[in-house]
Amino acid sequence: MSGAIAQSQKIDTIANNIANASTPAFKRDEQVFKEYLTSYEQASQELNVPKVPASMESFYDTQGSERTPVANVGTFTDHSQGSFKTTGNPLDLAINGNGYFEVLTPRGVRLTRAGAFRVDQDGRLVTRNGDLVLQRAEGTNEPQGREVRLTNSPVTIDNSGQIIQDGEPLATLSVVNVVEPTQLRKEGQLLYMPPEAANILNAPGGYTVQQGTLELSNVEVIKEMSDLIQAHRVFDTNQRAVKAYDAMSEKIANTIPRLD
């Protein structure tokens, strides 16, 4: 039963990956499981194996080693880079290499690789959901006063994320480098909770910002479909095993007593 539940969770995760295959900057998830050994919870005991062959007495205590359910460890996010698509929109930005844009949401500062930005009615650079895109500010990590305000002039953004309008540097986008991306926790499909300060590189670098480009998802649909078929087959096998045990239990409870 635990195996069937595990495969059901895996199917849900794969289905979500496939549904977001066309979502820019989406990172695929993978369900991780382990075998839970009940025998590890108890102290080891001395085994006295009877020397009577072919009898019930010849069986010895397994100390729970036969009870090994499947335990769900959690969801692992694959942060590998997706391919790029040229859009020609000056506010579409992609990060080539390691790094995440800092944005301000109603829940606080979050990180994202989704660079499909726009300008709101107040002239501020925001994400498609209306979250403020933050600029780099020396000596402070506070989000207040770090919004990016643009005019109607053409915008140029160089490889370092510096925004230039009317020939003058306006601001530099805040791009955060994360030492260990696996510690990032997803919030929705495209946002990540900022990691601890020790997991953030203070010196920016290791990336380039590409203007007029979007990063696509890193989902390989063919691989996901293959994994989905395999998970369905394993789920079906586990389900048939449960039905077989249920049929045996029914015979033990109802048929065998009537034979007396």
C-alpha atoms as a PDB file:
ATOM      1  CA  MET A   1       0.000   0.000   0.000  1.00  0.00           C
ATOM      2  CA  SER A   2       2.834   2.394   0.835  1.00  0.00           C
ATOM      3  CA  GLY A   3       4.353   1.635  -2.572  1.00  0.00           C
ATOM      4  CA  ALA A   4       1.081   2.473  -4.316  1.00  0.00           C
ATOM      5  CA  ILE A   5       0.803   5.767  -2.399  1.00  0.00           C
ATOM      6  CA  ALA A   6       4.393   6.626  -3.335  1.00  0.00           C
ATOM      7  CA  GLN A   7       3.752   6.006  -7.034  1.00  0.00           C
ATOM      8  CA  SER A   8       0.567   8.084  -6.841  1.00  0.00           C
ATOM      9  CA  GLN A   9       2.595  11.023  -5.480  1.00  0.00           C
ATOM     10  CA  LYS A  10       5.194  10.510  -8.204  1.00  0.00           C
ATOM     11  CA  ILE A  11       2.464  10.544 -10.880  1.00  0.00           C
ATOM     12  CA  ASP A  12       1.139  13.864  -9.521  1.00  0.00           C
ATOM     13  CA  THR A  13       4.639  15.398  -9.633  1.00  0.00           C
ATOM     14  CA  ILE A  14       5.301  14.222 -13.201  1.00  0.00           C
ATOM     15  CA  ALA A  15       1.879  15.464 -14.327  1.00  0.00           C
ATOM     16  CA  ASN A  16       2.698  18.914 -12.885  1.00  0.00           C
ATOM     17  CA  ASN A  17       6.015  18.930 -14.775  1.00  0.00           C
ATOM     18  CA  ILE A  18       4.271  18.136 -18.050  1.00  0.00           C
ATOM     19  CA  ALA A  19       1.595  20.779 -17.430  1.00  0.00           C
ATOM     20  CA  ASN A  20       4.344  23.425 -17.014  1.00  0.00           C
ATOM     21  CA  ALA A  21       6.540  22.295 -19.903  1.00  0.00           C
ATOM     22  CA  SER A  22       5.719  25.530 -21.763  1.00  0.00           C
ATOM     23  CA  THR A  23       6.041  27.822 -18.713  1.00  0.00           C
ATOM     24  CA  PRO A  24       9.154  30.039 -19.078  1.00  0.00           C
ATOM     25  CA  ALA A  25      11.874  29.368 -16.467  1.00  0.00           C
ATOM     26  CA  PHE A  26       9.920  26.538 -14.815  1.00  0.00           C
ATOM     27  CA  LYS A  27      12.150  23.980 -13.067  1.00  0.00           C
ATOM     28  CA  ARG A  28      11.020  20.375 -13.010  1.00  0.00           C
ATOM     29  CA  ASP A  29      10.428  18.541  -9.746  1.00  0.00           C
ATOM     30  CA  GLU A  30      11.179  14.970  -8.838  1.00  0.00           C
ATOM     31  CA  GLN A  31       9.740  12.935  -5.981  1.00  0.00           C
ATOM     32  CA  VAL A  32      12.297  11.233  -3.725  1.00  0.00           C
ATOM     33  CA  PHE A  33      11.563   8.105  -1.693  1.00  0.00           C
ATOM     34  CA  LYS A  34      13.452   5.757   0.618  1.00  0.00           C
ATOM     35  CA  GLU A  35      12.870   2.360   2.163  1.00  0.00           C
ATOM     36  CA  TYR A  36      11.839   2.664   5.797  1.00  0.00           C
ATOM     37  CA  LEU A  37      13.293  -0.221   7.838  1.00  0.00           C
ATOM     38  CA  THR A  38      11.208  -0.877  10.948  1.00  0.00           C
ATOM     39  CA  SER A  39      13.949  -3.089  12.378  1.00  0.00           C
ATOM     40  CA  TYR A  40      16.233  -0.049  12.741  1.00  0.00           C
ATOM     41  CA  GLU A  41      13.963   1.365  15.446  1.00  0.00           C
ATOM     42  CA  GLN A  42      14.623  -1.447  17.888  1.00  0.00           C
ATOM     43  CA  ALA A  43      17.718  -2.801  19.529  1.00  0.00           C
ATOM     44  CA  SER A  44      19.326  -5.848  17.979  1.00  0.00           C
ATOM     45  CA  GLN A  45      18.476  -9.113  19.721  1.00  0.00           C
ATOM     46  CA  GLU A  46      20.281 -12.391  19.821  1.00  0.00           C
ATOM     47  CA  LEU A  47      18.738 -14.885  17.394  1.00  0.00           C
ATOM     48  CA  ASN A  48      18.252 -18.391  18.683  1.00  0.00           C
ATOM     49  CA  VAL A  49      17.633 -20.436  15.572  1.00  0.00           C
ATOM     50  CA  PRO A  50      16.044 -23.833  16.304  1.00  0.00           C
ATOM     51  CA  LYS A  51      17.709 -26.804  14.666  1.00  0.00           C
ATOM     52  CA  VAL A  52      14.406 -28.548  13.906  1.00  0.00           C
ATOM     53  CA  PRO A  53      14.124 -28.739  10.105  1.00  0.00           C
ATOM     54  CA  ALA A  54      10.941 -28.302   8.079  1.00  0.00           C
ATOM     55  CA  SER A  55       8.709 -27.295  10.970  1.00  0.00           C
ATOM     56  CA  MET A  56       7.158 -24.145  12.387  1.00  0.00           C
ATOM     57  CA  GLU A  57       9.845 -24.146  15.075  1.00  0.00           C
ATOM     58  CA  SER A  58      12.499 -23.650  12.412  1.00  0.00           C
ATOM     59  CA  PHE A  59      11.290 -20.101  11.787  1.00  0.00           C
ATOM     60  CA  TYR A  60      12.980 -17.415  13.864  1.00  0.00           C
ATOM     61  CA  ASP A  61      12.224 -13.835  14.819  1.00  0.00           C
ATOM     62  CA  THR A  62      12.972 -11.472  11.938  1.00  0.00           C
ATOM     63  CA  GLN A  63      12.952  -8.485  14.333  1.00  0.00           C
ATOM     64  CA  GLY A  64      10.672  -6.537  11.978  1.00  0.00           C
ATOM     65  CA  SER A  65      13.004  -6.684   8.986  1.00  0.00           C
ATOM     66  CA  GLU A  66      10.119  -7.833   6.788  1.00  0.00           C
ATOM     67  CA  ARG A  67       8.238  -4.585   7.434  1.00  0.00           C
ATOM     68  CA  THR A  68       9.877  -2.110   5.043  1.00  0.00           C
ATOM     69  CA  PRO A  69       7.347   0.482   3.841  1.00  0.00           C
ATOM     70  CA  VAL A  70       8.153   3.238   1.365  1.00  0.00           C
ATOM     71  CA  ALA A  71       8.743   6.646   2.981  1.00  0.00           C
ATOM     72  CA  ASN A  72       8.326   9.929   1.094  1.00  0.00           C
ATOM     73  CA  VAL A  73      11.514  11.994   1.557  1.00  0.00           C
ATOM     74  CA  GLY A  74      10.175  15.030  -0.302  1.00  0.00           C
ATOM     75  CA  THR A  75      10.330  16.864  -3.599  1.00  0.00           C
ATOM     76  CA  PHE A  76      13.648  17.636  -5.272  1.00  0.00           C
ATOM     77  CA  THR A  77      13.822  20.534  -7.759  1.00  0.00           C
ATOM     78  CA  ASP A  78      16.120  20.227 -10.757  1.00  0.00           C
ATOM     79  CA  HIS A  79      17.712  23.680 -11.162  1.00  0.00           C
ATOM     80  CA  SER A  80      19.517  22.925 -14.410  1.00  0.00           C
ATOM     81  CA  GLN A  81      19.270  25.691 -16.997  1.00  0.00           C
ATOM     82  CA  GLY A  82      16.646  25.549 -19.717  1.00  0.00           C
ATOM     83  CA  SER A  83      17.124  26.570 -23.326  1.00  0.00           C
ATOM     84  CA  PHE A  84      16.686  30.181 -24.501  1.00  0.00           C
ATOM     85  CA  LYS A  85      14.090  31.755 -26.774  1.00  0.00           C
ATOM     86  CA  THR A  86      14.634  35.111 -28.479  1.00  0.00           C
ATOM     87  CA  THR A  87      11.571  37.375 -28.186  1.00  0.00           C
ATOM     88  CA  GLY A  88      12.911  40.813 -29.141  1.00  0.00           C
ATOM     89  CA  ASN A  89      11.036  42.379 -26.213  1.00  0.00           C
ATOM     90  CA  PRO A  90      13.528  44.671 -24.392  1.00  0.00           C
ATOM     91  CA  LEU A  91      11.967  43.827 -21.029  1.00  0.00           C
ATOM     92  CA  ASP A  92      12.310  40.046 -21.502  1.00  0.00           C
ATOM     93  CA  LEU A  93      15.458  39.002 -19.655  1.00  0.00           C
ATOM     94  CA  ALA A  94      17.184  35.654 -19.209  1.00  0.00           C
ATOM     95  CA  ILE A  95      20.028  34.723 -16.871  1.00  0.00           C
ATOM     96  CA  ASN A  96      22.724  32.664 -18.541  1.00  0.00           C
ATOM     97  CA  GLY A  97      24.534  30.849 -15.728  1.00  0.00           C
ATOM     98  CA  ASN A  98      23.947  30.862 -11.996  1.00  0.00           C
ATOM     99  CA  GLY A  99      21.705  33.505 -10.508  1.00  0.00           C
ATOM    100  CA  TYR A 100      18.179  34.600  -9.619  1.00  0.00           C
ATOM    101  CA  PHE A 101      16.387  37.942  -9.922  1.00  0.00           C
ATOM    102  CA  GLU A 102      15.297  39.499  -6.631  1.00  0.00           C
ATOM    103  CA  VAL A 103      11.636  40.547  -6.606  1.00  0.00           C
ATOM    104  CA  LEU A 104       9.423  41.993  -3.870  1.00  0.00           C
ATOM    105  CA  THR A 105       6.120  40.173  -3.316  1.00  0.00           C
ATOM    106  CA  PRO A 106       3.407  40.868  -0.702  1.00  0.00           C
ATOM    107  CA  ARG A 107       5.053  38.073   1.340  1.00  0.00           C
ATOM    108  CA  GLY A 108       8.530  39.585   1.164  1.00  0.00           C
ATOM    109  CA  VAL A 109      11.592  39.243  -1.070  1.00  0.00           C
ATOM    110  CA  ARG A 110      11.625  36.199  -3.333  1.00  0.00           C
ATOM    111  CA  LEU A 111      13.945  34.863  -6.044  1.00  0.00           C
ATOM    112  CA  THR A 112      12.989  33.945  -9.605  1.00  0.00           C
ATOM    113  CA  ARG A 113      14.486  32.973 -12.959  1.00  0.00           C
ATOM    114  CA  ALA A 114      11.388  34.151 -14.834  1.00  0.00           C
ATOM    115  CA  GLY A 115      12.416  37.376 -16.569  1.00  0.00           C
ATOM    116  CA  ALA A 116       9.234  38.276 -18.448  1.00  0.00           C
ATOM    117  CA  PHE A 117       8.991  41.802 -17.028  1.00  0.00           C
ATOM    118  CA  ARG A 118       6.767  44.785 -17.816  1.00  0.00           C
ATOM    119  CA  VAL A 119       6.224  48.374 -16.668  1.00  0.00           C
ATOM    120  CA  ASP A 120       3.201  49.082 -14.459  1.00  0.00           C
ATOM    121  CA  GLN A 121       1.070  52.249 -14.462  1.00  0.00           C
ATOM    122  CA  ASP A 122       3.466  53.926 -12.016  1.00  0.00           C
ATOM    123  CA  GLY A 123       6.472  53.361 -14.273  1.00  0.00           C
ATOM    124  CA  ARG A 124       7.933  50.590 -12.093  1.00  0.00           C
ATOM    125  CA  LEU A 125       9.522  47.429 -13.477  1.00  0.00           C
ATOM    126  CA  VAL A 126       7.435  44.461 -12.339  1.00  0.00           C
ATOM    127  CA  THR A 127       6.927  40.770 -13.073  1.00  0.00           C
ATOM    128  CA  ARG A 128       3.872  39.482 -14.911  1.00  0.00           C
ATOM    129  CA  ASN A 129       2.205  39.012 -11.516  1.00  0.00           C
ATOM    130  CA  GLY A 130       2.921  42.619 -10.520  1.00  0.00           C
ATOM    131  CA  ASP A 131       5.798  41.910  -8.122  1.00  0.00           C
ATOM    132  CA  LEU A 132       8.433  44.663  -7.998  1.00  0.00           C
ATOM    133  CA  VAL A 133      11.776  43.893  -9.627  1.00  0.00           C
ATOM    134  CA  LEU A 134      14.556  45.073  -7.309  1.00  0.00           C
ATOM    135  CA  GLN A 135      17.804  46.821  -8.159  1.00  0.00           C
ATOM    136  CA  ARG A 136      21.138  46.259  -6.506  1.00  0.00           C
ATOM    137  CA  ALA A 137      21.829  48.606  -3.619  1.00  0.00           C
ATOM    138  CA  GLU A 138      25.277  48.798  -2.066  1.00  0.00           C
ATOM    139  CA  GLY A 139      25.437  48.200   1.669  1.00  0.00           C
ATOM    140  CA  THR A 140      21.807  47.170   2.227  1.00  0.00           C
ATOM    141  CA  ASN A 141      19.546  44.210   1.646  1.00  0.00           C
ATOM    142  CA  GLU A 142      16.363  46.039   2.592  1.00  0.00           C
ATOM    143  CA  PRO A 143      13.855  46.109  -0.292  1.00  0.00           C
ATOM    144  CA  GLN A 144      12.518  49.592   0.465  1.00  0.00           C
ATOM    145  CA  GLY A 145      13.539  52.132  -2.157  1.00  0.00           C
ATOM    146  CA  ARG A 146      15.056  49.520  -4.457  1.00  0.00           C
ATOM    147  CA  GLU A 147      12.303  49.483  -7.069  1.00  0.00           C
ATOM    148  CA  VAL A 148      13.277  50.220 -10.687  1.00  0.00           C
ATOM    149  CA  ARG A 149      11.490  53.173 -12.316  1.00  0.00           C
ATOM    150  CA  LEU A 150      11.638  53.610 -16.081  1.00  0.00           C
ATOM    151  CA  THR A 151      10.685  56.406 -18.453  1.00  0.00           C
ATOM    152  CA  ASN A 152       9.225  56.045 -21.927  1.00  0.00           C
ATOM    153  CA  SER A 153      12.674  56.122 -23.529  1.00  0.00           C
ATOM    154  CA  PRO A 154      14.165  52.980 -25.114  1.00  0.00           C
ATOM    155  CA  VAL A 155      15.757  50.635 -22.566  1.00  0.00           C
ATOM    156  CA  THR A 156      19.103  48.897 -22.923  1.00  0.00           C
ATOM    157  CA  ILE A 157      20.209  46.248 -20.414  1.00  0.00           C
ATOM    158  CA  ASP A 158      23.780  44.997 -20.631  1.00  0.00           C
ATOM    159  CA  ASN A 159      25.220  41.609 -19.626  1.00  0.00           C
ATOM    160  CA  SER A 160      25.771  42.723 -16.041  1.00  0.00           C
ATOM    161  CA  GLY A 161      22.113  43.721 -15.629  1.00  0.00           C
ATOM    162  CA  GLN A 162      22.796  47.466 -15.809  1.00  0.00           C
ATOM    163  CA  ILE A 163      19.814  49.426 -17.162  1.00  0.00           C
ATOM    164  CA  ILE A 164      20.638  52.330 -19.488  1.00  0.00           C
ATOM    165  CA  GLN A 165      18.155  54.976 -20.646  1.00  0.00           C
ATOM    166  CA  ASP A 166      18.944  58.156 -22.612  1.00  0.00           C
ATOM    167  CA  GLY A 167      22.588  57.118 -22.596  1.00  0.00           C
ATOM    168  CA  GLU A 168      22.827  57.218 -18.786  1.00  0.00           C
ATOM    169  CA  PRO A 169      23.068  54.306 -16.303  1.00  0.00           C
ATOM    170  CA  LEU A 170      19.793  54.152 -14.403  1.00  0.00           C
ATOM    171  CA  ALA A 171      20.120  51.105 -12.130  1.00  0.00           C
ATOM    172  CA  THR A 172      21.575  47.615 -11.972  1.00  0.00           C
ATOM    173  CA  LEU A 173      19.248  44.675 -11.491  1.00  0.00           C
ATOM    174  CA  SER A 174      19.809  42.662  -8.333  1.00  0.00           C
ATOM    175  CA  VAL A 175      20.864  39.150  -9.320  1.00  0.00           C
ATOM    176  CA  VAL A 176      21.644  36.798  -6.437  1.00  0.00           C
ATOM    177  CA  ASN A 177      24.052  33.872  -6.710  1.00  0.00           C
ATOM    178  CA  VAL A 178      23.116  30.856  -4.592  1.00  0.00           C
ATOM    179  CA  VAL A 179      25.832  28.481  -3.400  1.00  0.00           C
ATOM    180  CA  GLU A 180      23.541  25.452  -3.097  1.00  0.00           C
ATOM    181  CA  PRO A 181      20.324  25.814  -5.184  1.00  0.00           C
ATOM    182  CA  THR A 182      18.896  22.572  -3.749  1.00  0.00           C
ATOM    183  CA  GLN A 183      18.249  24.488  -0.510  1.00  0.00           C
ATOM    184  CA  LEU A 184      15.798  26.804  -2.293  1.00  0.00           C
ATOM    185  CA  ARG A 185      12.163  26.112  -1.491  1.00  0.00           C
ATOM    186  CA  LYS A 186       9.568  26.650  -4.188  1.00  0.00           C
ATOM    187  CA  GLU A 187       6.716  29.059  -3.626  1.00  0.00           C
ATOM    188  CA  GLY A 188       4.251  28.543  -6.427  1.00  0.00           C
ATOM    189  CA  GLN A 189       5.776  27.564  -9.762  1.00  0.00           C
ATOM    190  CA  LEU A 190       8.296  30.344 -10.429  1.00  0.00           C
ATOM    191  CA  LEU A 191       9.254  31.886  -7.064  1.00  0.00           C
ATOM    192  CA  TYR A 192      11.723  30.659  -4.460  1.00  0.00           C
ATOM    193  CA  MET A 193      12.175  31.489  -0.790  1.00  0.00           C
ATOM    194  CA  PRO A 194      15.551  33.193  -0.242  1.00  0.00           C
ATOM    195  CA  PRO A 195      18.074  30.853   1.408  1.00  0.00           C
ATOM    196  CA  GLU A 196      20.082  31.618   4.519  1.00  0.00           C
ATOM    197  CA  ALA A 197      22.684  34.364   4.187  1.00  0.00           C
ATOM    198  CA  ALA A 198      25.491  31.792   4.327  1.00  0.00           C
ATOM    199  CA  ASN A 199      24.121  30.233   1.125  1.00  0.00           C
ATOM    200  CA  ILE A 200      24.331  33.497  -0.861  1.00  0.00           C
ATOM    201  CA  LEU A 201      27.484  34.689  -2.605  1.00  0.00           C
ATOM    202  CA  ASN A 202      28.240  38.291  -1.681  1.00  0.00           C
ATOM    203  CA  ALA A 203      30.246  39.005  -4.834  1.00  0.00           C
ATOM    204  CA  PRO A 204      28.005  38.981  -7.924  1.00  0.00           C
ATOM    205  CA  GLY A 205      29.239  37.146 -10.984  1.00  0.00           C
ATOM    206  CA  GLY A 206      29.120  33.824 -12.752  1.00  0.00           C
ATOM    207  CA  TYR A 207      26.235  34.895 -14.979  1.00  0.00           C
ATOM    208  CA  THR A 208      25.236  37.171 -17.835  1.00  0.00           C
ATOM    209  CA  VAL A 209      21.889  38.861 -18.397  1.00  0.00           C
ATOM    210  CA  GLN A 210      20.546  38.506 -21.933  1.00  0.00           C
ATOM    211  CA  GLN A 211      18.067  41.148 -23.102  1.00  0.00           C
ATOM    212  CA  GLY A 212      15.202  40.244 -25.426  1.00  0.00           C
ATOM    213  CA  THR A 213      15.443  36.592 -24.393  1.00  0.00           C
ATOM    214  CA  LEU A 214      13.470  34.240 -22.166  1.00  0.00           C
ATOM    215  CA  GLU A 215      14.651  31.051 -20.494  1.00  0.00           C
ATOM    216  CA  LEU A 216      12.339  28.133 -21.217  1.00  0.00           C
ATOM    217  CA  SER A 217      11.490  25.323 -18.806  1.00  0.00           C
ATOM    218  CA  ASN A 218      13.963  22.476 -18.331  1.00  0.00           C
ATOM    219  CA  VAL A 219      11.223  19.850 -18.710  1.00  0.00           C
ATOM    220  CA  GLU A 220      11.933  17.133 -21.302  1.00  0.00           C
ATOM    221  CA  VAL A 221       8.433  16.039 -22.257  1.00  0.00           C
ATOM    222  CA  ILE A 222       9.490  12.697 -23.770  1.00  0.00           C
ATOM    223  CA  LYS A 223      11.384  11.706 -20.621  1.00  0.00           C
ATOM    224  CA  GLU A 224       8.502  12.816 -18.390  1.00  0.00           C
ATOM    225  CA  MET A 225       6.009  10.789 -20.452  1.00  0.00           C
ATOM    226  CA  SER A 226       8.253   7.721 -20.196  1.00  0.00           C
ATOM    227  CA  ASP A 227       8.520   8.164 -16.420  1.00  0.00           C
ATOM    228  CA  LEU A 228       4.751   8.641 -16.211  1.00  0.00           C
ATOM    229  CA  ILE A 229       4.068   5.348 -18.023  1.00  0.00           C
ATOM    230  CA  GLN A 230       6.524   3.520 -15.771  1.00  0.00           C
ATOM    231  CA  ALA A 231       4.988   5.009 -12.612  1.00  0.00           C
ATOM    232  CA  HIS A 232       1.509   3.970 -13.784  1.00  0.00           C
ATOM    233  CA  ARG A 233       2.692   0.402 -14.341  1.00  0.00           C
ATOM    234  CA  VAL A 234       4.323   0.169 -10.913  1.00  0.00           C
ATOM    235  CA  PHE A 235       1.207   1.662  -9.314  1.00  0.00           C
ATOM    236  CA  ASP A 236      -0.948  -0.939 -11.066  1.00  0.00           C
ATOM    237  CA  THR A 237       1.374  -3.745  -9.904  1.00  0.00           C
ATOM    238  CA  ASN A 238       1.182  -2.570  -6.289  1.00  0.00           C
ATOM    239  CA  GLN A 239      -2.585  -2.306  -6.541  1.00  0.00           C
ATOM    240  CA  ARG A 240      -2.874  -5.876  -7.793  1.00  0.00           C
ATOM    241  CA  ALA A 241      -0.669  -7.062  -4.922  1.00  0.00           C
ATOM    242  CA  VAL A 242      -2.978  -5.354  -2.425  1.00  0.00           C
ATOM    243  CA  LYS A 243      -6.001  -7.057  -4.032  1.00  0.00           C
ATOM    244  CA  ALA A 244      -4.236 -10.429  -3.896  1.00  0.00           C
ATOM    245  CA  TYR A 245      -3.525 -10.046  -0.164  1.00  0.00           C
ATOM    246  CA  ASP A 246      -7.110  -8.920   0.371  1.00  0.00           C
ATOM    247  CA  ALA A 247      -8.392 -12.061  -1.375  1.00  0.00           C
ATOM    248  CA  MET A 248      -6.132 -14.275   0.762  1.00  0.00           C
ATOM    249  CA  SER A 249      -7.294 -12.522   3.940  1.00  0.00           C
ATOM    250  CA  GLU A 250     -10.917 -13.064   2.883  1.00  0.00           C
ATOM    251  CA  LYS A 251     -10.321 -16.808   2.443  1.00  0.00           C
ATOM    252  CA  ILE A 252      -8.500 -17.072   5.785  1.00  0.00           C
ATOM    253  CA  ALA A 253     -11.338 -15.287   7.566  1.00  0.00           C
ATOM    254  CA  ASN A 254     -14.326 -16.903   5.818  1.00  0.00           C
ATOM    255  CA  THR A 255     -13.434 -20.052   3.880  1.00  0.00           C
ATOM    256  CA  ILE A 256     -10.949 -21.869   6.133  1.00  0.00           C
ATOM    257  CA  PRO A 257     -13.114 -21.723   9.299  1.00  0.00           C
ATOM    258  CA  ARG A 258     -15.974 -23.442   7.394  1.00  0.00           C
ATOM    259  CA  LEU A 259     -13.696 -26.361   6.532  1.00  0.00           C
ATOM    260  CA  ASP A 260     -13.683 -27.395  10.208  1.00  0.00           C
END
